[in-house]
Amino acid sequence: MKKKKAKAQAKKGKQIRQVAALPFRRRPEGGVEFLLVTSRETGRFIVPKGWPMKGRSDAKAAAEEAEQEAGVTGRIGGRPIGHYRYWKRLKDAFVPITVTVFALEVEAEAEEFRESTQRVRGWVEPDQAEFLIDEPDLGTLIREARKTLEGVRAEESGG
């Protein structure tokens, strides 16, 4: 969906949605780190996200956004880890967006990728990620994802 179409949908009162990946990696000493990228328009830290793609599941579309926007590939969860809402800034309006988020365990990180000249990316501790993110709902989602992902590691190691 293009911005123009999104604005038209919002004016009609229709729900507008996007999909996102929350890229993470496990630290050898335990715990996880998250990969954030900057938005192209405002330079704020965000997670890779975009519009749903025709012919692809939401999870696959989120994985593709992560590859394009952050240069990472890996295993994406088939089920969402949560949702958050934000106001998307368009040229002459703000529209409410609901984002469905999928965890992406990063297995490879490319040095150059489609949007590498337009974005900055960085691995951060979960507490830093919550602080750097402007959207409160996304910060809460990251906090909950940390608990879940670190809990999975503890269960796998019998802890």
N, C-alpha and C. Protein backbone atom coordinates (compact mmCIF):
# COMPACT_ATOMS: atom_id res chain seq x y z
N MET A 1 0.85 -1.18 0.00
CA MET A 1 0.00 0.00 0.00
C MET A 1 0.90 1.24 0.00
N LYS A 2 0.58 2.16 -0.84
CA LYS A 2 1.32 3.41 -0.92
C LYS A 2 0.76 4.41 0.08
N LYS A 3 1.58 5.43 0.38
CA LYS A 3 1.16 6.44 1.35
C LYS A 3 -0.15 7.11 0.94
N LYS A 4 -0.29 7.40 -0.35
CA LYS A 4 -1.51 8.06 -0.84
C LYS A 4 -2.73 7.19 -0.57
N LYS A 5 -2.59 5.89 -0.83
CA LYS A 5 -3.70 4.96 -0.60
C LYS A 5 -3.98 4.85 0.90
N ALA A 6 -2.92 4.83 1.71
CA ALA A 6 -3.09 4.74 3.16
C ALA A 6 -3.88 5.93 3.67
N LYS A 7 -3.55 7.10 3.17
CA LYS A 7 -4.26 8.31 3.59
C LYS A 7 -5.74 8.24 3.21
N ALA A 8 -6.01 7.77 1.99
CA ALA A 8 -7.40 7.64 1.53
C ALA A 8 -8.15 6.64 2.40
N GLN A 9 -7.50 5.51 2.73
CA GLN A 9 -8.12 4.50 3.59
C GLN A 9 -8.44 5.09 4.96
N ALA A 10 -7.48 5.84 5.52
CA ALA A 10 -7.67 6.44 6.84
C ALA A 10 -8.84 7.41 6.84
N LYS A 11 -8.96 8.19 5.78
CA LYS A 11 -10.07 9.15 5.69
C LYS A 11 -11.41 8.45 5.67
N LYS A 12 -11.44 7.22 5.15
CA LYS A 12 -12.68 6.43 5.12
C LYS A 12 -12.92 5.71 6.44
N GLY A 13 -11.99 5.86 7.39
CA GLY A 13 -12.14 5.21 8.68
C GLY A 13 -11.70 3.76 8.69
N LYS A 14 -11.00 3.34 7.65
CA LYS A 14 -10.55 1.95 7.58
C LYS A 14 -9.26 1.75 8.36
N GLN A 15 -9.13 0.55 8.90
CA GLN A 15 -7.93 0.16 9.64
C GLN A 15 -6.75 0.05 8.67
N ILE A 16 -5.64 0.68 9.02
CA ILE A 16 -4.44 0.59 8.20
C ILE A 16 -3.42 -0.19 8.99
N ARG A 17 -2.78 -1.13 8.33
CA ARG A 17 -1.83 -1.96 9.06
C ARG A 17 -0.52 -2.12 8.31
N GLN A 18 0.51 -2.41 9.10
CA GLN A 18 1.82 -2.74 8.56
C GLN A 18 2.32 -3.99 9.27
N VAL A 19 3.41 -4.53 8.77
CA VAL A 19 4.06 -5.68 9.40
C VAL A 19 5.49 -5.28 9.73
N ALA A 20 6.03 -5.87 10.79
CA ALA A 20 7.39 -5.54 11.22
C ALA A 20 8.10 -6.78 11.73
N ALA A 21 9.43 -6.70 11.66
CA ALA A 21 10.28 -7.72 12.26
C ALA A 21 10.97 -7.10 13.46
N LEU A 22 11.13 -7.87 14.51
CA LEU A 22 11.95 -7.47 15.65
C LEU A 22 13.19 -8.36 15.62
N PRO A 23 14.25 -7.90 14.93
CA PRO A 23 15.46 -8.72 14.82
C PRO A 23 16.16 -8.83 16.18
N PHE A 24 16.57 -10.05 16.51
CA PHE A 24 17.27 -10.25 17.78
C PHE A 24 18.36 -11.29 17.60
N ARG A 25 19.32 -11.27 18.53
CA ARG A 25 20.34 -12.32 18.59
C ARG A 25 20.57 -12.64 20.05
N ARG A 26 20.98 -13.87 20.26
CA ARG A 26 21.24 -14.32 21.63
C ARG A 26 22.71 -14.05 21.96
N ARG A 27 22.95 -13.55 23.16
CA ARG A 27 24.32 -13.30 23.61
C ARG A 27 24.87 -14.58 24.22
N PRO A 28 26.15 -14.86 24.02
CA PRO A 28 26.74 -16.08 24.58
C PRO A 28 26.60 -16.16 26.10
N GLU A 29 26.66 -15.01 26.77
CA GLU A 29 26.56 -14.99 28.23
C GLU A 29 25.12 -15.01 28.72
N GLY A 30 24.18 -15.08 27.80
CA GLY A 30 22.76 -15.09 28.15
C GLY A 30 22.10 -13.78 27.78
N GLY A 31 20.82 -13.82 27.63
CA GLY A 31 20.07 -12.63 27.25
C GLY A 31 20.05 -12.42 25.75
N VAL A 32 19.42 -11.35 25.33
CA VAL A 32 19.28 -11.04 23.91
C VAL A 32 19.65 -9.58 23.66
N GLU A 33 19.92 -9.30 22.40
CA GLU A 33 20.09 -7.93 21.91
C GLU A 33 19.12 -7.76 20.75
N PHE A 34 18.69 -6.52 20.55
CA PHE A 34 17.79 -6.22 19.44
C PHE A 34 18.49 -5.30 18.45
N LEU A 35 18.13 -5.46 17.18
CA LEU A 35 18.66 -4.61 16.12
C LEU A 35 17.63 -3.55 15.77
N LEU A 36 18.02 -2.30 15.89
CA LEU A 36 17.16 -1.18 15.51
C LEU A 36 17.74 -0.50 14.29
N VAL A 37 16.89 0.15 13.52
CA VAL A 37 17.33 0.95 12.37
C VAL A 37 16.70 2.33 12.50
N THR A 38 17.28 3.29 11.79
CA THR A 38 16.68 4.62 11.78
C THR A 38 15.67 4.70 10.64
N SER A 39 14.65 5.51 10.85
CA SER A 39 13.69 5.74 9.77
C SER A 39 14.35 6.66 8.75
N ARG A 40 13.92 6.54 7.51
CA ARG A 40 14.51 7.37 6.45
C ARG A 40 14.08 8.83 6.58
N GLU A 41 12.86 9.06 7.02
CA GLU A 41 12.32 10.42 7.01
C GLU A 41 12.66 11.23 8.25
N THR A 42 12.61 10.61 9.43
CA THR A 42 12.82 11.38 10.67
C THR A 42 14.12 11.04 11.39
N GLY A 43 14.74 9.92 11.05
CA GLY A 43 15.97 9.51 11.73
C GLY A 43 15.74 8.90 13.10
N ARG A 44 14.46 8.66 13.46
CA ARG A 44 14.16 8.02 14.75
C ARG A 44 14.49 6.54 14.67
N PHE A 45 14.78 5.93 15.82
CA PHE A 45 15.01 4.49 15.84
C PHE A 45 13.69 3.75 15.81
N ILE A 46 13.64 2.74 14.96
CA ILE A 46 12.44 1.93 14.75
C ILE A 46 12.87 0.49 14.52
N VAL A 47 11.89 -0.38 14.34
CA VAL A 47 12.15 -1.74 13.87
C VAL A 47 11.82 -1.76 12.37
N PRO A 48 12.44 -2.66 11.61
CA PRO A 48 12.12 -2.74 10.18
C PRO A 48 10.64 -3.07 9.98
N LYS A 49 9.96 -2.26 9.18
CA LYS A 49 8.53 -2.48 8.97
C LYS A 49 8.12 -1.97 7.60
N GLY A 50 6.96 -2.44 7.16
CA GLY A 50 6.44 -1.99 5.88
C GLY A 50 5.02 -2.50 5.69
N TRP A 51 4.53 -2.30 4.48
CA TRP A 51 3.16 -2.69 4.15
C TRP A 51 3.09 -4.20 3.90
N PRO A 52 1.95 -4.84 4.20
CA PRO A 52 1.77 -6.25 3.82
C PRO A 52 1.99 -6.39 2.31
N MET A 53 2.45 -7.57 1.90
CA MET A 53 2.76 -7.80 0.49
C MET A 53 1.84 -8.86 -0.09
N LYS A 54 1.30 -8.55 -1.25
CA LYS A 54 0.41 -9.47 -1.95
C LYS A 54 1.17 -10.77 -2.23
N GLY A 55 0.53 -11.91 -1.93
CA GLY A 55 1.13 -13.20 -2.22
C GLY A 55 2.12 -13.69 -1.17
N ARG A 56 2.32 -12.92 -0.09
CA ARG A 56 3.23 -13.34 0.97
C ARG A 56 2.50 -13.30 2.30
N SER A 57 2.86 -14.21 3.18
CA SER A 57 2.31 -14.15 4.53
C SER A 57 2.86 -12.90 5.21
N ASP A 58 2.20 -12.47 6.27
CA ASP A 58 2.70 -11.30 7.01
C ASP A 58 4.10 -11.56 7.56
N ALA A 59 4.36 -12.77 8.03
CA ALA A 59 5.69 -13.10 8.56
C ALA A 59 6.75 -12.98 7.47
N LYS A 60 6.46 -13.51 6.29
CA LYS A 60 7.43 -13.43 5.19
C LYS A 60 7.64 -11.98 4.74
N ALA A 61 6.58 -11.20 4.73
CA ALA A 61 6.71 -9.78 4.37
C ALA A 61 7.58 -9.05 5.40
N ALA A 62 7.39 -9.37 6.68
CA ALA A 62 8.20 -8.75 7.74
C ALA A 62 9.67 -9.14 7.58
N ALA A 63 9.92 -10.40 7.25
CA ALA A 63 11.31 -10.85 7.04
C ALA A 63 11.94 -10.12 5.86
N GLU A 64 11.17 -9.90 4.81
CA GLU A 64 11.68 -9.18 3.65
C GLU A 64 12.00 -7.73 4.00
N GLU A 65 11.16 -7.11 4.80
CA GLU A 65 11.43 -5.74 5.25
C GLU A 65 12.73 -5.69 6.05
N ALA A 66 12.96 -6.68 6.90
CA ALA A 66 14.20 -6.72 7.69
C ALA A 66 15.43 -6.84 6.79
N GLU A 67 15.30 -7.63 5.73
CA GLU A 67 16.42 -7.78 4.80
C GLU A 67 16.67 -6.46 4.05
N GLN A 68 15.62 -5.81 3.59
CA GLN A 68 15.77 -4.57 2.82
C GLN A 68 16.24 -3.40 3.69
N GLU A 69 15.66 -3.27 4.88
CA GLU A 69 15.92 -2.10 5.72
C GLU A 69 17.09 -2.26 6.67
N ALA A 70 17.41 -3.51 7.05
CA ALA A 70 18.48 -3.73 8.03
C ALA A 70 19.55 -4.69 7.55
N GLY A 71 19.35 -5.34 6.42
CA GLY A 71 20.35 -6.26 5.89
C GLY A 71 20.52 -7.53 6.68
N VAL A 72 19.45 -7.98 7.34
CA VAL A 72 19.54 -9.20 8.14
C VAL A 72 18.56 -10.25 7.64
N THR A 73 18.99 -11.50 7.77
CA THR A 73 18.13 -12.64 7.45
C THR A 73 18.22 -13.62 8.61
N GLY A 74 17.24 -14.49 8.69
CA GLY A 74 17.23 -15.47 9.77
C GLY A 74 15.91 -16.20 9.84
N ARG A 75 15.63 -16.70 11.03
CA ARG A 75 14.39 -17.46 11.25
C ARG A 75 13.32 -16.53 11.81
N ILE A 76 12.22 -16.44 11.07
CA ILE A 76 11.12 -15.57 11.51
C ILE A 76 10.02 -16.44 12.11
N GLY A 77 9.46 -15.99 13.21
CA GLY A 77 8.36 -16.73 13.82
C GLY A 77 7.12 -16.67 12.96
N GLY A 78 6.37 -17.75 12.92
CA GLY A 78 5.16 -17.80 12.12
C GLY A 78 3.99 -17.05 12.73
N ARG A 79 4.07 -16.85 14.05
CA ARG A 79 3.00 -16.13 14.76
C ARG A 79 3.53 -14.79 15.27
N PRO A 80 2.69 -13.79 15.29
CA PRO A 80 3.14 -12.48 15.80
C PRO A 80 3.47 -12.55 17.28
N ILE A 81 4.44 -11.73 17.69
CA ILE A 81 4.75 -11.61 19.12
C ILE A 81 3.97 -10.46 19.74
N GLY A 82 3.29 -9.70 18.91
CA GLY A 82 2.48 -8.60 19.42
C GLY A 82 2.13 -7.59 18.35
N HIS A 83 1.49 -6.53 18.80
CA HIS A 83 1.07 -5.44 17.92
C HIS A 83 1.36 -4.12 18.63
N TYR A 84 1.54 -3.08 17.85
CA TYR A 84 1.60 -1.75 18.43
C TYR A 84 0.98 -0.76 17.46
N ARG A 85 0.64 0.39 17.98
CA ARG A 85 0.03 1.44 17.15
C ARG A 85 0.93 2.66 17.16
N TYR A 86 0.92 3.36 16.04
CA TYR A 86 1.63 4.63 15.97
C TYR A 86 0.96 5.52 14.94
N TRP A 87 1.33 6.78 14.95
CA TRP A 87 0.81 7.74 13.98
C TRP A 87 1.86 7.94 12.90
N LYS A 88 1.53 7.58 11.67
CA LYS A 88 2.46 7.75 10.55
C LYS A 88 2.32 9.16 10.01
N ARG A 89 3.47 9.80 9.87
CA ARG A 89 3.50 11.17 9.35
C ARG A 89 3.54 11.11 7.83
N LEU A 90 2.52 11.65 7.20
CA LEU A 90 2.51 11.80 5.75
C LEU A 90 2.75 13.28 5.44
N LYS A 91 2.80 13.59 4.17
CA LYS A 91 3.13 14.97 3.77
C LYS A 91 2.22 16.01 4.43
N ASP A 92 0.92 15.75 4.42
CA ASP A 92 -0.01 16.74 4.96
C ASP A 92 -1.02 16.15 5.94
N ALA A 93 -0.65 15.02 6.54
CA ALA A 93 -1.57 14.39 7.49
C ALA A 93 -0.84 13.36 8.34
N PHE A 94 -1.48 12.97 9.43
CA PHE A 94 -1.03 11.85 10.24
C PHE A 94 -2.10 10.78 10.14
N VAL A 95 -1.70 9.52 9.99
CA VAL A 95 -2.68 8.44 9.94
C VAL A 95 -2.31 7.38 10.98
N PRO A 96 -3.33 6.82 11.67
CA PRO A 96 -3.04 5.78 12.66
C PRO A 96 -2.76 4.45 11.97
N ILE A 97 -1.71 3.79 12.42
CA ILE A 97 -1.29 2.51 11.85
C ILE A 97 -1.21 1.48 12.97
N THR A 98 -1.69 0.27 12.72
CA THR A 98 -1.48 -0.86 13.62
C THR A 98 -0.44 -1.76 12.98
N VAL A 99 0.61 -2.07 13.74
CA VAL A 99 1.73 -2.87 13.23
C VAL A 99 1.73 -4.23 13.91
N THR A 100 1.77 -5.29 13.10
CA THR A 100 1.90 -6.66 13.59
C THR A 100 3.38 -7.01 13.56
N VAL A 101 3.92 -7.47 14.70
CA VAL A 101 5.36 -7.68 14.84
C VAL A 101 5.68 -9.17 14.99
N PHE A 102 6.73 -9.58 14.26
CA PHE A 102 7.22 -10.96 14.29
C PHE A 102 8.67 -10.96 14.76
N ALA A 103 9.02 -11.91 15.64
CA ALA A 103 10.41 -12.05 16.08
C ALA A 103 11.23 -12.66 14.95
N LEU A 104 12.42 -12.12 14.72
CA LEU A 104 13.33 -12.62 13.69
C LEU A 104 14.67 -12.91 14.35
N GLU A 105 15.00 -14.20 14.51
CA GLU A 105 16.31 -14.56 15.06
C GLU A 105 17.33 -14.44 13.94
N VAL A 106 18.22 -13.48 14.07
CA VAL A 106 19.17 -13.16 13.00
C VAL A 106 20.24 -14.24 12.89
N GLU A 107 20.43 -14.71 11.66
CA GLU A 107 21.47 -15.70 11.36
C GLU A 107 22.57 -15.12 10.49
N ALA A 108 22.26 -14.06 9.72
CA ALA A 108 23.26 -13.44 8.85
C ALA A 108 22.99 -11.94 8.76
N GLU A 109 24.08 -11.18 8.68
CA GLU A 109 24.00 -9.72 8.62
C GLU A 109 24.88 -9.24 7.47
N ALA A 110 24.27 -8.65 6.46
CA ALA A 110 25.01 -8.17 5.29
C ALA A 110 25.64 -6.81 5.57
N GLU A 111 26.83 -6.59 5.01
CA GLU A 111 27.47 -5.27 5.15
C GLU A 111 26.75 -4.24 4.29
N GLU A 112 26.39 -4.64 3.07
CA GLU A 112 25.65 -3.75 2.18
C GLU A 112 24.29 -4.37 1.91
N PHE A 113 23.29 -3.53 1.90
CA PHE A 113 21.93 -4.00 1.65
C PHE A 113 21.16 -2.87 0.99
N ARG A 114 19.97 -3.18 0.56
CA ARG A 114 19.17 -2.25 -0.26
C ARG A 114 19.11 -0.82 0.27
N GLU A 115 18.90 -0.65 1.57
CA GLU A 115 18.74 0.69 2.14
C GLU A 115 19.91 1.09 3.04
N SER A 116 21.08 0.48 2.82
CA SER A 116 22.23 0.74 3.70
C SER A 116 22.72 2.18 3.65
N THR A 117 22.49 2.88 2.55
CA THR A 117 22.92 4.28 2.47
C THR A 117 21.88 5.24 3.04
N GLN A 118 20.71 4.71 3.39
CA GLN A 118 19.61 5.56 3.86
C GLN A 118 19.31 5.40 5.35
N ARG A 119 19.92 4.39 5.97
CA ARG A 119 19.60 4.08 7.36
C ARG A 119 20.87 3.78 8.16
N VAL A 120 20.76 3.95 9.47
CA VAL A 120 21.78 3.52 10.41
C VAL A 120 21.17 2.36 11.18
N ARG A 121 21.95 1.34 11.44
CA ARG A 121 21.44 0.22 12.24
C ARG A 121 22.39 -0.02 13.40
N GLY A 122 21.87 -0.62 14.45
CA GLY A 122 22.71 -0.89 15.61
C GLY A 122 22.09 -1.92 16.53
N TRP A 123 22.97 -2.78 17.07
CA TRP A 123 22.56 -3.76 18.07
C TRP A 123 22.56 -3.08 19.43
N VAL A 124 21.49 -3.27 20.17
CA VAL A 124 21.36 -2.63 21.48
C VAL A 124 20.78 -3.60 22.50
N GLU A 125 21.12 -3.33 23.76
CA GLU A 125 20.53 -4.09 24.87
C GLU A 125 19.03 -3.77 24.92
N PRO A 126 18.22 -4.67 25.45
CA PRO A 126 16.78 -4.42 25.52
C PRO A 126 16.41 -3.11 26.22
N ASP A 127 17.08 -2.78 27.33
CA ASP A 127 16.77 -1.53 28.03
C ASP A 127 17.07 -0.32 27.15
N GLN A 128 18.17 -0.39 26.39
CA GLN A 128 18.50 0.70 25.47
C GLN A 128 17.46 0.81 24.36
N ALA A 129 17.02 -0.34 23.86
CA ALA A 129 16.02 -0.35 22.79
C ALA A 129 14.75 0.36 23.26
N GLU A 130 14.30 0.03 24.46
CA GLU A 130 13.10 0.68 25.00
C GLU A 130 13.28 2.19 25.10
N PHE A 131 14.47 2.62 25.48
CA PHE A 131 14.77 4.04 25.64
C PHE A 131 14.83 4.76 24.28
N LEU A 132 15.43 4.11 23.28
CA LEU A 132 15.64 4.73 21.97
C LEU A 132 14.37 4.82 21.13
N ILE A 133 13.44 3.92 21.35
CA ILE A 133 12.21 3.87 20.57
C ILE A 133 11.25 4.96 21.04
N ASP A 134 10.67 5.70 20.11
CA ASP A 134 9.73 6.77 20.45
C ASP A 134 8.32 6.27 20.74
N GLU A 135 7.92 5.17 20.11
CA GLU A 135 6.55 4.69 20.28
C GLU A 135 6.42 3.90 21.59
N PRO A 136 5.63 4.39 22.55
CA PRO A 136 5.50 3.70 23.84
C PRO A 136 5.01 2.26 23.71
N ASP A 137 4.05 2.01 22.82
CA ASP A 137 3.54 0.65 22.65
C ASP A 137 4.62 -0.30 22.15
N LEU A 138 5.50 0.19 21.29
CA LEU A 138 6.60 -0.64 20.80
C LEU A 138 7.61 -0.90 21.92
N GLY A 139 7.85 0.09 22.75
CA GLY A 139 8.73 -0.11 23.91
C GLY A 139 8.21 -1.21 24.82
N THR A 140 6.91 -1.19 25.07
CA THR A 140 6.28 -2.23 25.89
C THR A 140 6.40 -3.59 25.22
N LEU A 141 6.18 -3.64 23.91
CA LEU A 141 6.29 -4.89 23.17
C LEU A 141 7.71 -5.44 23.27
N ILE A 142 8.72 -4.58 23.17
CA ILE A 142 10.12 -5.01 23.28
C ILE A 142 10.39 -5.57 24.67
N ARG A 143 9.88 -4.93 25.71
CA ARG A 143 10.06 -5.42 27.07
C ARG A 143 9.47 -6.82 27.23
N GLU A 144 8.26 -7.02 26.69
CA GLU A 144 7.61 -8.33 26.77
C GLU A 144 8.35 -9.36 25.92
N ALA A 145 8.81 -8.96 24.74
CA ALA A 145 9.56 -9.88 23.87
C ALA A 145 10.83 -10.34 24.57
N ARG A 146 11.49 -9.43 25.26
CA ARG A 146 12.71 -9.80 25.98
C ARG A 146 12.41 -10.92 26.98
N LYS A 147 11.36 -10.75 27.76
CA LYS A 147 11.00 -11.78 28.75
C LYS A 147 10.75 -13.11 28.07
N THR A 148 9.99 -13.08 26.98
CA THR A 148 9.67 -14.31 26.26
C THR A 148 10.91 -14.96 25.68
N LEU A 149 11.73 -14.17 24.98
CA LEU A 149 12.91 -14.72 24.30
C LEU A 149 13.96 -15.20 25.29
N GLU A 150 14.15 -14.48 26.38
CA GLU A 150 15.10 -14.94 27.39
C GLU A 150 14.55 -16.14 28.13
N GLY A 151 13.23 -16.23 28.28
CA GLY A 151 12.60 -17.39 28.89
C GLY A 151 12.76 -18.63 28.04
N VAL A 152 12.68 -18.47 26.72
CA VAL A 152 12.87 -19.60 25.80
C VAL A 152 14.28 -20.15 25.96
N ARG A 153 15.28 -19.28 26.06
CA ARG A 153 16.66 -19.72 26.23
C ARG A 153 16.82 -20.49 27.54
N ALA A 154 16.21 -19.99 28.62
CA ALA A 154 16.30 -20.65 29.91
C ALA A 154 15.68 -22.04 29.85
N GLU A 155 14.54 -22.16 29.16
CA GLU A 155 13.88 -23.46 29.02
C GLU A 155 14.73 -24.43 28.20
N GLU A 156 15.37 -23.92 27.12
CA GLU A 156 16.19 -24.78 26.27
C GLU A 156 17.39 -25.33 27.02
N SER A 157 17.95 -24.53 27.96
CA SER A 157 19.14 -24.98 28.69
C SER A 157 18.77 -25.66 30.00
N GLY A 158 17.46 -25.84 30.22
CA GLY A 158 17.02 -26.53 31.42
C GLY A 158 17.02 -25.65 32.66
N GLY A 159 17.11 -24.29 32.47
CA GLY A 159 17.20 -23.35 33.59
C GLY A 159 15.93 -22.83 34.05
